[in-house]
Amino acid sequence: MEKQIRFRGKILNYSIRGSGPAVLLLHGFLESMAIWETMAGSLADRFTVISIDLPGFGKSEVVDKIHSMEMMAGAAAQVLEEENTGQAVVVGHSMGGYVALAFAKKYPGKLNGLVLFHSQVAGDDTEAKLNRNRAIEFVKNSHKNFIASFIPLLFAEENVPKFADEIESLKALAEQTSVEGICAALAGMRDRENQFALLKNLDIPVFFIVGKKDSRVPPEKVLPQLELPKNCEALILDGVGHMGFIEAREITTQALRHFAERMFVE
């Protein structure tokens, strides 16, 4: 069921299905809750699955010039309050992982498991911040060309022909996002803080999903972070880039199911 609430005076769109303990799905940059459609359907027999169009994406409206990770975490928290779900396993893909980390910091009592799905805890370094600023200017000048060049690079190179239809669908989805929404998210990612201390001190289990051929969040950057949590699990996927929910759909869906089931064992 698709629903809408007001968040900071703007429309916030989300979907809820199934019943049972809550699993919250947070999409990545240039995406919307539509990316979770298959996975959410597979999990809904066991869980209450909530997926959100983060502010500026999908049917959710732009809130500000900069969409901080903390602000978007607040949007997610408001949805959980609206649905009175209690604690949730929070799953974040890429940028959604940054939002999930901000959520864990702001609302530690609202979650009992954290999944970083092709995501990580470091903030942008100086070079990365400059690249974000360049990307903002590129988007302002030609956001369709930015999208066309960005999306295929999210996949392992050998998977691009295999998932050509999915790539075109992702491009079409991203093109529905306004320039303002894209730039606000880029600025929010640029300005986010690192969360190393948070990850080290979390008292809940953390599950990393890593693609060996992920060019956006490369394994050499993520693997050292696996040592930080008190309770950490990892799924490391061969031949997968940044889009494991497409490139390894069955494996990642089952892994998320098994992790979430363990989080809610009484």
C-alpha atoms as a PDB file:
ATOM      1  CA  MET A   1       0.000   0.000   0.000  1.00  0.00           C
ATOM      2  CA  GLU A   2       1.382   3.399  -0.982  1.00  0.00           C
ATOM      3  CA  LYS A   3       0.922   6.252   1.490  1.00  0.00           C
ATOM      4  CA  GLN A   4       1.881   9.891   1.899  1.00  0.00           C
ATOM      5  CA  ILE A   5       2.480  12.060   4.953  1.00  0.00           C
ATOM      6  CA  ARG A   6       3.768  15.599   5.439  1.00  0.00           C
ATOM      7  CA  PHE A   7       7.375  16.022   6.458  1.00  0.00           C
ATOM      8  CA  ARG A   8       8.595  19.568   7.061  1.00  0.00           C
ATOM      9  CA  GLY A   9       5.601  20.770   5.090  1.00  0.00           C
ATOM     10  CA  LYS A  10       6.374  18.622   2.044  1.00  0.00           C
ATOM     11  CA  ILE A  11       5.000  15.351   0.677  1.00  0.00           C
ATOM     12  CA  LEU A  12       6.845  12.232   1.836  1.00  0.00           C
ATOM     13  CA  ASN A  13       5.874   9.096  -0.071  1.00  0.00           C
ATOM     14  CA  TYR A  14       6.301   5.551   1.167  1.00  0.00           C
ATOM     15  CA  SER A  15       5.031   1.998   0.800  1.00  0.00           C
ATOM     16  CA  ILE A  16       4.074  -0.563   3.435  1.00  0.00           C
ATOM     17  CA  ARG A  17       3.241  -4.219   2.917  1.00  0.00           C
ATOM     18  CA  GLY A  18       3.180  -7.486   4.815  1.00  0.00           C
ATOM     19  CA  SER A  19       2.955  -8.040   8.547  1.00  0.00           C
ATOM     20  CA  GLY A  20       5.298  -8.929  11.373  1.00  0.00           C
ATOM     21  CA  PRO A  21       8.512  -7.254  12.563  1.00  0.00           C
ATOM     22  CA  ALA A  22       9.536  -4.158  10.612  1.00  0.00           C
ATOM     23  CA  VAL A  23      12.188  -3.951   7.921  1.00  0.00           C
ATOM     24  CA  LEU A  24      12.887  -0.433   6.628  1.00  0.00           C
ATOM     25  CA  LEU A  25      14.410  -0.140   3.136  1.00  0.00           C
ATOM     26  CA  LEU A  26      16.279   3.063   2.195  1.00  0.00           C
ATOM     27  CA  HIS A  27      17.254   3.532  -1.435  1.00  0.00           C
ATOM     28  CA  GLY A  28      20.399   5.087  -2.834  1.00  0.00           C
ATOM     29  CA  PHE A  29      21.270   8.129  -4.933  1.00  0.00           C
ATOM     30  CA  LEU A  30      19.270   8.574  -8.171  1.00  0.00           C
ATOM     31  CA  GLU A  31      16.901   5.829  -7.032  1.00  0.00           C
ATOM     32  CA  SER A  32      13.495   5.593  -5.401  1.00  0.00           C
ATOM     33  CA  MET A  33      11.597   3.020  -3.395  1.00  0.00           C
ATOM     34  CA  ALA A  34      10.809   1.331  -6.739  1.00  0.00           C
ATOM     35  CA  ILE A  35      14.217  -0.387  -6.641  1.00  0.00           C
ATOM     36  CA  TRP A  36      13.008  -2.516  -3.720  1.00  0.00           C
ATOM     37  CA  GLU A  37       9.834  -3.764  -5.408  1.00  0.00           C
ATOM     38  CA  THR A  38      10.927  -7.364  -5.943  1.00  0.00           C
ATOM     39  CA  MET A  39      12.835  -7.653  -2.690  1.00  0.00           C
ATOM     40  CA  ALA A  40      10.045  -6.092  -0.633  1.00  0.00           C
ATOM     41  CA  GLY A  41       7.552  -8.502  -2.152  1.00  0.00           C
ATOM     42  CA  SER A  42       9.778 -11.432  -1.233  1.00  0.00           C
ATOM     43  CA  LEU A  43      10.124 -10.297   2.389  1.00  0.00           C
ATOM     44  CA  ALA A  44       6.507  -9.308   3.012  1.00  0.00           C
ATOM     45  CA  ASP A  45       5.408 -12.841   3.926  1.00  0.00           C
ATOM     46  CA  ARG A  46       7.467 -12.599   7.126  1.00  0.00           C
ATOM     47  CA  PHE A  47       7.918  -8.872   7.805  1.00  0.00           C
ATOM     48  CA  THR A  48       6.221  -5.514   7.682  1.00  0.00           C
ATOM     49  CA  VAL A  49       8.294  -4.022   4.867  1.00  0.00           C
ATOM     50  CA  ILE A  50       8.457  -0.243   4.609  1.00  0.00           C
ATOM     51  CA  SER A  51      10.223   1.480   1.727  1.00  0.00           C
ATOM     52  CA  ILE A  52      10.479   5.245   1.432  1.00  0.00           C
ATOM     53  CA  ASP A  53      10.985   7.719  -1.387  1.00  0.00           C
ATOM     54  CA  LEU A  54      13.632   9.782   0.384  1.00  0.00           C
ATOM     55  CA  PRO A  55      13.108  13.559   0.082  1.00  0.00           C
ATOM     56  CA  GLY A  56      13.670  14.762  -3.474  1.00  0.00           C
ATOM     57  CA  PHE A  57      13.306  11.294  -5.026  1.00  0.00           C
ATOM     58  CA  GLY A  58      10.347   9.383  -6.417  1.00  0.00           C
ATOM     59  CA  LYS A  59       7.123  11.065  -5.342  1.00  0.00           C
ATOM     60  CA  SER A  60       8.636  12.793  -2.306  1.00  0.00           C
ATOM     61  CA  GLU A  61       9.163  16.515  -2.604  1.00  0.00           C
ATOM     62  CA  VAL A  62      12.387  18.465  -2.211  1.00  0.00           C
ATOM     63  CA  VAL A  63      12.681  19.862   1.322  1.00  0.00           C
ATOM     64  CA  ASP A  64      15.735  22.123   1.185  1.00  0.00           C
ATOM     65  CA  LYS A  65      18.786  23.085  -0.881  1.00  0.00           C
ATOM     66  CA  ILE A  66      20.878  20.561   1.038  1.00  0.00           C
ATOM     67  CA  HIS A  67      19.385  17.239   2.058  1.00  0.00           C
ATOM     68  CA  SER A  68      21.538  16.182   4.969  1.00  0.00           C
ATOM     69  CA  MET A  69      21.694  12.551   5.969  1.00  0.00           C
ATOM     70  CA  GLU A  70      20.289  13.551   9.360  1.00  0.00           C
ATOM     71  CA  MET A  71      17.296  15.274   7.782  1.00  0.00           C
ATOM     72  CA  MET A  72      16.520  12.222   5.657  1.00  0.00           C
ATOM     73  CA  ALA A  73      16.916  10.012   8.732  1.00  0.00           C
ATOM     74  CA  GLY A  74      14.304  12.205  10.385  1.00  0.00           C
ATOM     75  CA  ALA A  75      11.955  11.515   7.486  1.00  0.00           C
ATOM     76  CA  ALA A  76      12.444   7.777   7.963  1.00  0.00           C
ATOM     77  CA  ALA A  77      11.839   8.069  11.703  1.00  0.00           C
ATOM     78  CA  GLN A  78       8.587   9.952  11.099  1.00  0.00           C
ATOM     79  CA  VAL A  79       7.330   7.145   8.850  1.00  0.00           C
ATOM     80  CA  LEU A  80       8.091   4.535  11.514  1.00  0.00           C
ATOM     81  CA  GLU A  81       6.273   6.645  14.088  1.00  0.00           C
ATOM     82  CA  GLU A  82       3.303   7.018  11.738  1.00  0.00           C
ATOM     83  CA  GLU A  83       3.103   3.244  11.345  1.00  0.00           C
ATOM     84  CA  ASN A  84       3.876   2.509  15.016  1.00  0.00           C
ATOM     85  CA  THR A  85       6.227  -0.285  14.017  1.00  0.00           C
ATOM     86  CA  GLY A  86       8.465  -0.448  17.058  1.00  0.00           C
ATOM     87  CA  GLN A  87      12.062  -1.378  16.348  1.00  0.00           C
ATOM     88  CA  ALA A  88      13.125  -2.092  12.769  1.00  0.00           C
ATOM     89  CA  VAL A  89      15.973  -3.625  10.855  1.00  0.00           C
ATOM     90  CA  VAL A  90      17.181  -0.705   8.730  1.00  0.00           C
ATOM     91  CA  VAL A  91      18.642  -1.483   5.310  1.00  0.00           C
ATOM     92  CA  GLY A  92      20.405   1.251   3.342  1.00  0.00           C
ATOM     93  CA  HIS A  93      21.717   0.998  -0.190  1.00  0.00           C
ATOM     94  CA  SER A  94      24.645   3.326  -0.951  1.00  0.00           C
ATOM     95  CA  MET A  95      23.401   6.829   0.025  1.00  0.00           C
ATOM     96  CA  GLY A  96      20.621   5.051   1.914  1.00  0.00           C
ATOM     97  CA  GLY A  97      23.367   3.476   4.024  1.00  0.00           C
ATOM     98  CA  TYR A  98      24.595   6.956   4.957  1.00  0.00           C
ATOM     99  CA  VAL A  99      21.021   7.803   5.943  1.00  0.00           C
ATOM    100  CA  ALA A 100      20.787   4.549   7.921  1.00  0.00           C
ATOM    101  CA  LEU A 101      23.940   5.457   9.847  1.00  0.00           C
ATOM    102  CA  ALA A 102      22.525   8.891  10.665  1.00  0.00           C
ATOM    103  CA  PHE A 103      19.331   7.121  11.762  1.00  0.00           C
ATOM    104  CA  ALA A 104      21.323   4.807  14.029  1.00  0.00           C
ATOM    105  CA  LYS A 105      23.015   7.791  15.630  1.00  0.00           C
ATOM    106  CA  LYS A 106      19.854   9.879  16.117  1.00  0.00           C
ATOM    107  CA  TYR A 107      17.381   7.119  16.963  1.00  0.00           C
ATOM    108  CA  PRO A 108      19.313   4.192  18.481  1.00  0.00           C
ATOM    109  CA  GLY A 109      16.235   2.867  20.237  1.00  0.00           C
ATOM    110  CA  LYS A 110      14.318   2.490  16.987  1.00  0.00           C
ATOM    111  CA  LEU A 111      16.483  -0.157  15.336  1.00  0.00           C
ATOM    112  CA  ASN A 112      17.779  -3.583  16.212  1.00  0.00           C
ATOM    113  CA  GLY A 113      19.833  -4.347  13.131  1.00  0.00           C
ATOM    114  CA  LEU A 114      21.693  -2.307  10.506  1.00  0.00           C
ATOM    115  CA  VAL A 115      22.468  -3.361   6.925  1.00  0.00           C
ATOM    116  CA  LEU A 116      24.993  -1.372   4.889  1.00  0.00           C
ATOM    117  CA  PHE A 117      24.218  -2.491   1.339  1.00  0.00           C
ATOM    118  CA  HIS A 118      27.131  -1.326  -0.828  1.00  0.00           C
ATOM    119  CA  SER A 119      27.746   1.463   1.671  1.00  0.00           C
ATOM    120  CA  GLN A 120      30.329   2.480   4.255  1.00  0.00           C
ATOM    121  CA  VAL A 121      31.044   4.836   7.151  1.00  0.00           C
ATOM    122  CA  ALA A 122      33.753   7.233   5.921  1.00  0.00           C
ATOM    123  CA  GLY A 123      32.894  10.809   5.025  1.00  0.00           C
ATOM    124  CA  ASP A 124      34.045  12.472   1.820  1.00  0.00           C
ATOM    125  CA  ASP A 125      37.700  13.485   1.730  1.00  0.00           C
ATOM    126  CA  THR A 126      38.812  16.723   0.034  1.00  0.00           C
ATOM    127  CA  GLU A 127      38.988  15.182  -3.434  1.00  0.00           C
ATOM    128  CA  ALA A 128      35.590  13.536  -3.061  1.00  0.00           C
ATOM    129  CA  LYS A 129      34.046  16.838  -1.955  1.00  0.00           C
ATOM    130  CA  LEU A 130      35.463  18.521  -5.054  1.00  0.00           C
ATOM    131  CA  ASN A 131      34.016  15.748  -7.190  1.00  0.00           C
ATOM    132  CA  ARG A 132      30.596  16.255  -5.569  1.00  0.00           C
ATOM    133  CA  ASN A 133      30.791  19.965  -6.405  1.00  0.00           C
ATOM    134  CA  ARG A 134      31.741  19.161 -10.000  1.00  0.00           C
ATOM    135  CA  ALA A 135      28.843  16.720 -10.196  1.00  0.00           C
ATOM    136  CA  ILE A 136      26.454  19.425  -8.941  1.00  0.00           C
ATOM    137  CA  GLU A 137      27.572  21.752 -11.730  1.00  0.00           C
ATOM    138  CA  PHE A 138      27.308  18.938 -14.285  1.00  0.00           C
ATOM    139  CA  VAL A 139      23.748  18.190 -13.152  1.00  0.00           C
ATOM    140  CA  LYS A 140      22.757  21.854 -13.347  1.00  0.00           C
ATOM    141  CA  ASN A 141      24.040  22.012 -16.927  1.00  0.00           C
ATOM    142  CA  SER A 142      22.865  18.634 -18.225  1.00  0.00           C
ATOM    143  CA  HIS A 143      21.233  16.318 -15.724  1.00  0.00           C
ATOM    144  CA  LYS A 144      20.187  13.718 -18.341  1.00  0.00           C
ATOM    145  CA  ASN A 145      23.769  13.370 -19.568  1.00  0.00           C
ATOM    146  CA  PHE A 146      24.919  13.042 -15.960  1.00  0.00           C
ATOM    147  CA  ILE A 147      22.442  10.225 -15.392  1.00  0.00           C
ATOM    148  CA  ALA A 148      23.308   8.470 -18.662  1.00  0.00           C
ATOM    149  CA  SER A 149      27.002   8.398 -17.757  1.00  0.00           C
ATOM    150  CA  PHE A 150      26.513   7.592 -14.062  1.00  0.00           C
ATOM    151  CA  ILE A 151      24.136   4.623 -14.036  1.00  0.00           C
ATOM    152  CA  PRO A 152      26.111   2.040 -16.078  1.00  0.00           C
ATOM    153  CA  LEU A 153      29.172   2.576 -13.887  1.00  0.00           C
ATOM    154  CA  LEU A 154      27.217   1.221 -10.922  1.00  0.00           C
ATOM    155  CA  PHE A 155      27.393  -2.290 -12.400  1.00  0.00           C
ATOM    156  CA  ALA A 156      30.356  -4.619 -12.763  1.00  0.00           C
ATOM    157  CA  GLU A 157      31.647  -4.050 -16.297  1.00  0.00           C
ATOM    158  CA  GLU A 158      30.819  -7.575 -17.444  1.00  0.00           C
ATOM    159  CA  ASN A 159      27.259  -7.193 -16.134  1.00  0.00           C
ATOM    160  CA  VAL A 160      26.384  -4.105 -18.196  1.00  0.00           C
ATOM    161  CA  PRO A 161      25.229  -6.048 -21.292  1.00  0.00           C
ATOM    162  CA  LYS A 162      23.429  -8.633 -19.151  1.00  0.00           C
ATOM    163  CA  PHE A 163      21.393  -5.996 -17.332  1.00  0.00           C
ATOM    164  CA  ALA A 164      20.889  -3.588 -20.226  1.00  0.00           C
ATOM    165  CA  ASP A 165      17.115  -3.455 -19.708  1.00  0.00           C
ATOM    166  CA  GLU A 166      17.481  -2.802 -15.981  1.00  0.00           C
ATOM    167  CA  ILE A 167      20.007  -0.044 -16.682  1.00  0.00           C
ATOM    168  CA  GLU A 168      17.587   1.670 -19.063  1.00  0.00           C
ATOM    169  CA  SER A 169      14.837   1.397 -16.441  1.00  0.00           C
ATOM    170  CA  LEU A 170      17.127   2.930 -13.813  1.00  0.00           C
ATOM    171  CA  LYS A 171      17.984   5.783 -16.174  1.00  0.00           C
ATOM    172  CA  ALA A 172      14.300   6.455 -16.801  1.00  0.00           C
ATOM    173  CA  LEU A 173      13.626   6.386 -13.070  1.00  0.00           C
ATOM    174  CA  ALA A 174      16.486   8.787 -12.359  1.00  0.00           C
ATOM    175  CA  GLU A 175      15.367  11.192 -15.085  1.00  0.00           C
ATOM    176  CA  GLN A 176      12.147  11.740 -13.149  1.00  0.00           C
ATOM    177  CA  THR A 177      14.202  13.248 -10.324  1.00  0.00           C
ATOM    178  CA  SER A 178      14.451  17.029 -10.430  1.00  0.00           C
ATOM    179  CA  VAL A 179      17.742  18.865 -10.739  1.00  0.00           C
ATOM    180  CA  GLU A 180      17.046  20.356  -7.306  1.00  0.00           C
ATOM    181  CA  GLY A 181      16.544  16.921  -5.760  1.00  0.00           C
ATOM    182  CA  ILE A 182      19.746  15.521  -7.273  1.00  0.00           C
ATOM    183  CA  CYS A 183      21.832  18.511  -6.226  1.00  0.00           C
ATOM    184  CA  ALA A 184      20.394  18.531  -2.696  1.00  0.00           C
ATOM    185  CA  ALA A 185      21.385  14.877  -2.251  1.00  0.00           C
ATOM    186  CA  LEU A 186      24.867  15.426  -3.683  1.00  0.00           C
ATOM    187  CA  ALA A 187      25.402  18.326  -1.287  1.00  0.00           C
ATOM    188  CA  GLY A 188      24.142  16.253   1.634  1.00  0.00           C
ATOM    189  CA  MET A 189      26.542  13.416   0.846  1.00  0.00           C
ATOM    190  CA  ARG A 190      29.386  15.900   0.418  1.00  0.00           C
ATOM    191  CA  ASP A 191      28.763  17.374   3.857  1.00  0.00           C
ATOM    192  CA  ARG A 192      28.092  14.175   5.797  1.00  0.00           C
ATOM    193  CA  GLU A 193      30.269  13.290   8.778  1.00  0.00           C
ATOM    194  CA  ASN A 194      32.224  10.097   9.128  1.00  0.00           C
ATOM    195  CA  GLN A 195      30.635   7.473  11.353  1.00  0.00           C
ATOM    196  CA  PHE A 196      33.611   5.375  12.453  1.00  0.00           C
ATOM    197  CA  ALA A 197      32.969   6.039  16.146  1.00  0.00           C
ATOM    198  CA  LEU A 198      29.288   5.229  15.756  1.00  0.00           C
ATOM    199  CA  LEU A 199      30.021   1.920  14.050  1.00  0.00           C
ATOM    200  CA  LYS A 200      32.509   0.960  16.739  1.00  0.00           C
ATOM    201  CA  ASN A 201      30.090   1.702  19.569  1.00  0.00           C
ATOM    202  CA  LEU A 202      26.863   0.287  18.150  1.00  0.00           C
ATOM    203  CA  ASP A 203      25.297  -2.385  20.328  1.00  0.00           C
ATOM    204  CA  ILE A 204      23.276  -3.895  17.486  1.00  0.00           C
ATOM    205  CA  PRO A 205      24.448  -6.324  14.774  1.00  0.00           C
ATOM    206  CA  VAL A 206      25.733  -4.802  11.552  1.00  0.00           C
ATOM    207  CA  PHE A 207      25.593  -6.572   8.200  1.00  0.00           C
ATOM    208  CA  PHE A 208      27.719  -5.409   5.261  1.00  0.00           C
ATOM    209  CA  ILE A 209      26.932  -6.442   1.688  1.00  0.00           C
ATOM    210  CA  VAL A 210      29.989  -5.846  -0.497  1.00  0.00           C
ATOM    211  CA  GLY A 211      30.533  -6.198  -4.227  1.00  0.00           C
ATOM    212  CA  LYS A 212      34.036  -7.244  -5.235  1.00  0.00           C
ATOM    213  CA  LYS A 213      33.732  -5.122  -8.378  1.00  0.00           C
ATOM    214  CA  ASP A 214      32.026  -2.120  -6.799  1.00  0.00           C
ATOM    215  CA  SER A 215      33.690   0.984  -8.231  1.00  0.00           C
ATOM    216  CA  ARG A 216      31.646   3.382  -6.076  1.00  0.00           C
ATOM    217  CA  VAL A 217      32.325   1.751  -2.685  1.00  0.00           C
ATOM    218  CA  PRO A 218      35.305  -0.492  -3.427  1.00  0.00           C
ATOM    219  CA  PRO A 219      35.969  -3.494  -1.188  1.00  0.00           C
ATOM    220  CA  GLU A 220      39.435  -2.282  -0.241  1.00  0.00           C
ATOM    221  CA  LYS A 221      37.735   0.687   1.433  1.00  0.00           C
ATOM    222  CA  VAL A 222      34.976  -1.317   3.114  1.00  0.00           C
ATOM    223  CA  LEU A 223      36.742  -4.465   4.322  1.00  0.00           C
ATOM    224  CA  PRO A 224      38.801  -2.718   7.048  1.00  0.00           C
ATOM    225  CA  GLN A 225      35.518  -1.349   8.440  1.00  0.00           C
ATOM    226  CA  LEU A 226      34.295  -4.879   9.146  1.00  0.00           C
ATOM    227  CA  GLU A 227      36.612  -4.972  12.162  1.00  0.00           C
ATOM    228  CA  LEU A 228      34.851  -2.053  13.866  1.00  0.00           C
ATOM    229  CA  PRO A 229      31.417  -3.299  15.033  1.00  0.00           C
ATOM    230  CA  LYS A 230      31.017  -5.435  18.136  1.00  0.00           C
ATOM    231  CA  ASN A 231      28.828  -7.795  16.100  1.00  0.00           C
ATOM    232  CA  CYS A 232      29.462  -7.828  12.358  1.00  0.00           C
ATOM    233  CA  GLU A 233      28.496 -10.060   9.459  1.00  0.00           C
ATOM    234  CA  ALA A 234      29.383  -9.660   5.806  1.00  0.00           C
ATOM    235  CA  LEU A 235      28.335 -10.997   2.427  1.00  0.00           C
ATOM    236  CA  ILE A 236      31.067 -10.488  -0.155  1.00  0.00           C
ATOM    237  CA  LEU A 237      29.815 -10.992  -3.692  1.00  0.00           C
ATOM    238  CA  ASP A 238      32.037 -12.100  -6.567  1.00  0.00           C
ATOM    239  CA  GLY A 239      31.367 -10.527  -9.954  1.00  0.00           C
ATOM    240  CA  VAL A 240      29.063  -7.878  -8.492  1.00  0.00           C
ATOM    241  CA  GLY A 241      29.363  -4.109  -8.618  1.00  0.00           C
ATOM    242  CA  HIS A 242      27.276  -1.581  -6.708  1.00  0.00           C
ATOM    243  CA  MET A 243      23.845  -3.014  -7.493  1.00  0.00           C
ATOM    244  CA  GLY A 244      23.649  -6.349  -5.707  1.00  0.00           C
ATOM    245  CA  PHE A 245      19.859  -6.223  -5.464  1.00  0.00           C
ATOM    246  CA  ILE A 246      19.914  -6.555  -9.272  1.00  0.00           C
ATOM    247  CA  GLU A 247      23.237  -8.257 -10.003  1.00  0.00           C
ATOM    248  CA  ALA A 248      22.725 -10.916  -7.297  1.00  0.00           C
ATOM    249  CA  ARG A 249      19.033 -10.561  -6.501  1.00  0.00           C
ATOM    250  CA  GLU A 250      18.322 -14.025  -5.090  1.00  0.00           C
ATOM    251  CA  ILE A 251      21.434 -14.206  -2.923  1.00  0.00           C
ATOM    252  CA  THR A 252      20.991 -10.739  -1.433  1.00  0.00           C
ATOM    253  CA  THR A 253      17.267 -11.232  -0.789  1.00  0.00           C
ATOM    254  CA  GLN A 254      17.878 -14.475   1.089  1.00  0.00           C
ATOM    255  CA  ALA A 255      20.769 -12.953   3.029  1.00  0.00           C
ATOM    256  CA  LEU A 256      18.614 -10.016   4.145  1.00  0.00           C
ATOM    257  CA  ARG A 257      15.805 -12.375   5.131  1.00  0.00           C
ATOM    258  CA  HIS A 258      18.092 -14.560   7.239  1.00  0.00           C
ATOM    259  CA  PHE A 259      19.706 -11.552   8.929  1.00  0.00           C
ATOM    260  CA  ALA A 260      16.360  -9.948   9.754  1.00  0.00           C
ATOM    261  CA  GLU A 261      14.934 -13.214  11.079  1.00  0.00           C
ATOM    262  CA  ARG A 262      17.822 -13.530  13.505  1.00  0.00           C
ATOM    263  CA  MET A 263      17.326  -9.954  14.727  1.00  0.00           C
ATOM    264  CA  PHE A 264      13.776 -10.718  15.813  1.00  0.00           C
ATOM    265  CA  VAL A 265      14.313 -14.083  17.503  1.00  0.00           C
ATOM    266  CA  GLU A 266      12.871 -13.834  20.994  1.00  0.00           C
END
